Protein backbone atom coordinates (compact mmCIF):
# COMPACT_ATOMS: atom_id res chain seq x y z
CA UNK A 1 -31.86 15.43 3.24
CA UNK A 2 -33.73 14.72 6.45
CA UNK A 3 -31.88 11.62 7.54
CA UNK A 4 -28.31 11.10 8.64
CA UNK A 5 -26.24 9.43 5.91
CA UNK A 6 -23.44 7.16 7.09
CA UNK A 7 -20.64 6.18 4.74
CA UNK A 8 -17.99 3.52 5.24
CA UNK A 9 -14.91 3.59 3.01
CA UNK A 10 -12.67 0.54 2.52
CA UNK A 11 -9.20 1.03 1.11
CA UNK A 12 -5.51 0.52 1.68
CA UNK A 13 -2.94 2.89 3.12
CA UNK A 14 -1.55 5.18 0.45
CA UNK A 15 -4.62 5.21 -1.82
CA UNK A 16 -6.09 8.44 -0.48
CA UNK A 17 -9.10 6.84 1.22
CA UNK A 18 -8.87 9.04 4.33
CA UNK A 19 -8.42 12.12 2.14
CA UNK A 20 -11.53 11.18 0.15
CA UNK A 21 -13.59 11.01 3.35
CA UNK A 22 -12.23 14.37 4.48
CA UNK A 23 -12.85 16.13 1.14
CA UNK A 24 -16.41 14.78 0.96
CA UNK A 25 -17.03 16.00 4.52
CA UNK A 26 -15.65 19.44 3.67
CA UNK A 27 -17.89 19.67 0.60
CA UNK A 28 -20.96 18.79 2.67
CA UNK A 29 -19.90 21.11 5.52
CA UNK A 30 -19.55 24.09 3.21
CA UNK A 31 -23.04 23.24 1.96
CA UNK A 32 -24.37 23.88 5.46
CA UNK A 33 -24.58 20.34 6.81
CA UNK A 34 -23.12 18.76 9.90
CA UNK A 35 -20.37 16.26 9.14
CA UNK A 36 -17.88 13.83 10.57
CA UNK A 37 -14.91 12.24 8.82
CA UNK A 38 -12.56 9.92 10.62
CA UNK A 39 -10.26 6.98 9.88
CA UNK A 40 -9.82 3.59 11.50
CA UNK A 41 -6.34 2.19 10.95
CA UNK A 42 -4.80 -1.20 11.40
CA UNK A 43 -1.04 -1.39 11.00
CA UNK A 44 -0.07 2.07 9.84
CA UNK A 45 1.80 1.30 6.65
CA UNK A 46 1.26 1.66 2.95
CA UNK A 47 -0.90 -1.13 1.59
CA UNK A 48 -2.48 -2.04 4.94
CA UNK A 49 -6.29 -2.26 4.92
CA UNK A 50 -8.08 0.66 6.52
CA UNK A 51 -11.55 2.07 6.92
CA UNK A 52 -12.67 5.65 6.95
CA UNK A 53 -16.10 6.96 7.84
CA UNK A 54 -18.41 9.87 7.13
CA UNK A 55 -21.58 11.01 8.78
CA UNK A 56 -23.58 13.74 7.07
CA UNK A 57 -26.72 15.29 8.49
CA UNK A 58 -28.88 18.40 8.55
CA UNK A 59 -28.90 18.12 12.33
CA UNK A 60 -26.07 18.27 14.84
CA UNK A 61 -24.22 14.97 15.14
CA UNK A 62 -23.76 13.53 18.60
CA UNK A 63 -22.79 9.99 17.67
CA UNK A 64 -19.07 9.18 17.95
CA UNK A 65 -18.37 5.59 16.94
CA UNK A 66 -17.49 3.64 13.80
CA UNK A 67 -20.17 3.30 11.15
CA UNK A 68 -21.66 -0.18 11.44
CA UNK A 69 -24.79 0.24 9.28
CA UNK A 70 -23.70 2.33 6.29
CA UNK A 71 -26.10 3.68 3.70
CA UNK A 72 -23.10 4.10 1.35
CA UNK A 73 -20.06 1.83 1.03
CA UNK A 74 -17.10 3.04 -1.01
CA UNK A 75 -14.59 0.32 -1.89
CA UNK A 76 -11.40 2.03 -3.04
CA UNK A 77 -9.57 -1.29 -3.47
CA UNK A 78 -11.68 -4.25 -4.63
CA UNK A 79 -9.06 -6.79 -3.47
CA UNK A 80 -10.26 -6.06 0.07
CA UNK A 81 -13.48 -7.85 -0.87
CA UNK A 82 -11.49 -11.11 -0.96
CA UNK A 83 -10.50 -10.72 2.69
CA UNK A 84 -13.57 -9.17 4.32
CA UNK A 85 -17.28 -8.71 3.88
CA UNK A 86 -17.55 -5.04 2.90
CA UNK A 87 -21.35 -5.37 2.79
CA UNK A 88 -21.55 -6.29 6.48
CA UNK A 89 -24.21 -4.23 8.23
CA UNK A 90 -25.13 -2.25 5.11
CA UNK A 91 -28.70 -0.96 5.07
CA UNK A 92 -31.30 -2.65 2.87
CA UNK A 93 -31.19 0.37 0.56
CA UNK A 94 -27.39 0.76 0.62
CA UNK A 95 -25.39 2.12 -2.28
CA UNK A 96 -22.09 0.38 -3.10
CA UNK A 97 -19.44 2.12 -5.20
CA UNK A 98 -16.53 -0.18 -6.08
CA UNK A 99 -13.24 0.59 -7.84
CA UNK A 100 -12.94 -2.26 -10.32
CA UNK A 101 -12.81 -3.09 -14.02
CA UNK A 102 -15.70 -5.53 -13.49
CA UNK A 103 -19.29 -4.81 -14.42
CA UNK A 104 -21.81 -3.92 -11.70
CA UNK A 105 -23.71 -7.21 -12.13
CA UNK A 106 -20.56 -9.21 -11.34
CA UNK A 107 -19.83 -7.10 -8.25
CA UNK A 108 -23.47 -7.35 -7.15
CA UNK A 109 -23.12 -11.12 -7.18
CA UNK A 110 -19.77 -11.03 -5.34
CA UNK A 111 -21.26 -8.76 -2.66
CA UNK A 112 -24.42 -10.81 -2.34
CA UNK A 113 -26.24 -7.49 -2.70
CA UNK A 114 -29.99 -7.42 -2.14
CA UNK A 115 -32.30 -6.35 -4.98
CA UNK A 116 -33.04 -3.16 -2.99
CA UNK A 117 -29.36 -2.20 -2.87
CA UNK A 118 -27.63 -0.30 -5.68
CA UNK A 119 -24.23 -1.27 -7.05
CA UNK A 120 -21.96 1.06 -9.02
CA UNK A 121 -18.52 0.33 -10.45
CA UNK A 122 -15.77 2.63 -11.67
CA UNK A 123 -12.27 1.90 -12.93
CA UNK A 124 -10.86 4.59 -10.65
CA UNK A 125 -7.30 3.30 -10.73
CA UNK A 126 -7.07 3.56 -14.54
CA UNK A 127 -8.59 7.04 -14.43
CA UNK A 128 -6.05 8.08 -11.80
CA UNK A 129 -3.16 6.69 -13.85
CA UNK A 130 -4.39 8.57 -16.91
CA UNK A 131 -5.04 11.91 -15.21
CA UNK A 132 -2.60 11.98 -12.28
CA UNK A 133 0.05 9.51 -13.41
CA UNK A 134 -0.14 7.51 -10.15
CA UNK A 135 -2.50 4.80 -8.85
CA UNK A 136 -4.33 7.11 -6.42
CA UNK A 137 -8.01 6.27 -6.98
CA UNK A 138 -9.46 8.62 -4.35
CA UNK A 139 -10.38 11.49 -6.69
CA UNK A 140 -12.26 9.38 -9.26
CA UNK A 141 -13.93 7.55 -6.36
CA UNK A 142 -15.12 10.89 -4.97
CA UNK A 143 -16.70 11.75 -8.31
CA UNK A 144 -18.35 8.34 -8.51
CA UNK A 145 -19.71 8.48 -4.94
CA UNK A 146 -21.12 11.95 -5.50
CA UNK A 147 -22.81 10.81 -8.73
CA UNK A 148 -24.24 7.68 -7.06
CA UNK A 149 -25.54 9.52 -3.98
CA UNK A 150 -26.28 13.10 -5.05
CA UNK A 151 -24.81 14.35 -1.75
CA UNK A 152 -23.29 17.43 -3.40
CA UNK A 153 -23.16 18.91 -6.88
CA UNK A 154 -20.06 18.18 -8.97
CA UNK A 155 -18.92 21.84 -9.20
CA UNK A 156 -19.14 22.16 -5.42
CA UNK A 157 -17.04 19.00 -4.96
CA UNK A 158 -14.50 20.32 -7.46
CA UNK A 159 -14.18 23.54 -5.43
CA UNK A 160 -13.41 21.51 -2.31
CA UNK A 161 -10.85 19.35 -4.13
CA UNK A 162 -9.13 22.53 -5.32
CA UNK A 163 -9.14 23.98 -1.78
CA UNK A 164 -7.92 20.80 -0.13
CA UNK A 165 -5.27 19.85 -2.67
CA UNK A 166 -4.21 23.45 -3.31
CA UNK A 167 -2.54 23.56 0.10
CA UNK A 168 -0.12 20.77 -0.77
CA UNK A 169 0.21 20.21 -4.51
CA UNK A 170 1.23 21.90 -7.75
CA UNK A 171 -1.33 23.23 -10.21
CA UNK A 172 -0.62 20.27 -12.51
CA UNK A 173 -1.48 17.76 -9.77
CA UNK A 174 -4.58 19.74 -8.76
CA UNK A 175 -5.82 19.87 -12.35
CA UNK A 176 -5.17 16.14 -12.78
CA UNK A 177 -7.23 15.42 -9.67
CA UNK A 178 -10.04 17.70 -10.87
CA UNK A 179 -10.13 15.85 -14.21
CA UNK A 180 -10.11 12.54 -12.32
CA UNK A 181 -13.09 13.64 -10.18
CA UNK A 182 -15.01 14.68 -13.28
CA UNK A 183 -14.24 11.42 -15.09
CA UNK A 184 -15.25 9.40 -12.03
CA UNK A 185 -18.54 11.28 -11.98
CA UNK A 186 -19.16 10.69 -15.70
CA UNK A 187 -17.83 7.14 -16.07
CA UNK A 188 -19.38 5.41 -13.04
CA UNK A 189 -21.63 2.51 -14.09
CA UNK A 190 -24.79 1.34 -12.30
CA UNK A 191 -26.06 -2.20 -12.44
């Protein structure tokens, strides 16, 4: 990777969007890259829209501002697309990863994505319900984003999920999240 990759995450409070950005940054950092991960909150309450950002580079990062021209856009809650243009400022070769039951072609149309942009969909919420027992789509979204971008290898991401979640959660919850990451990686659809 010779260029800086900027990622903008769209989600709602309580869905693990900020945690997803942090875990991805940690996985890239332990791989020897320079990283940033930071949130941008509105009203700080569960369900409120929020954005989180990542910057990943082989060179030292000296830029400290929100991501306005993302190469990758992760949409953790597709209902946000009804209220805002999540594609705003995305690069011509951007990669969109959207948590939805819809097919990529339908999301491509809804986004107004350019032919040079890639669109992936994943039913991250259903995966989370099946593996974790709660509608926390961040882990399957991490797997899907990693598959769509190739930023890190799946086993390396799994190690970081274990490290990050191991500080706070039981082995059962950790294992559920690891299964959710793997399923997100395997079940993401490109269109």
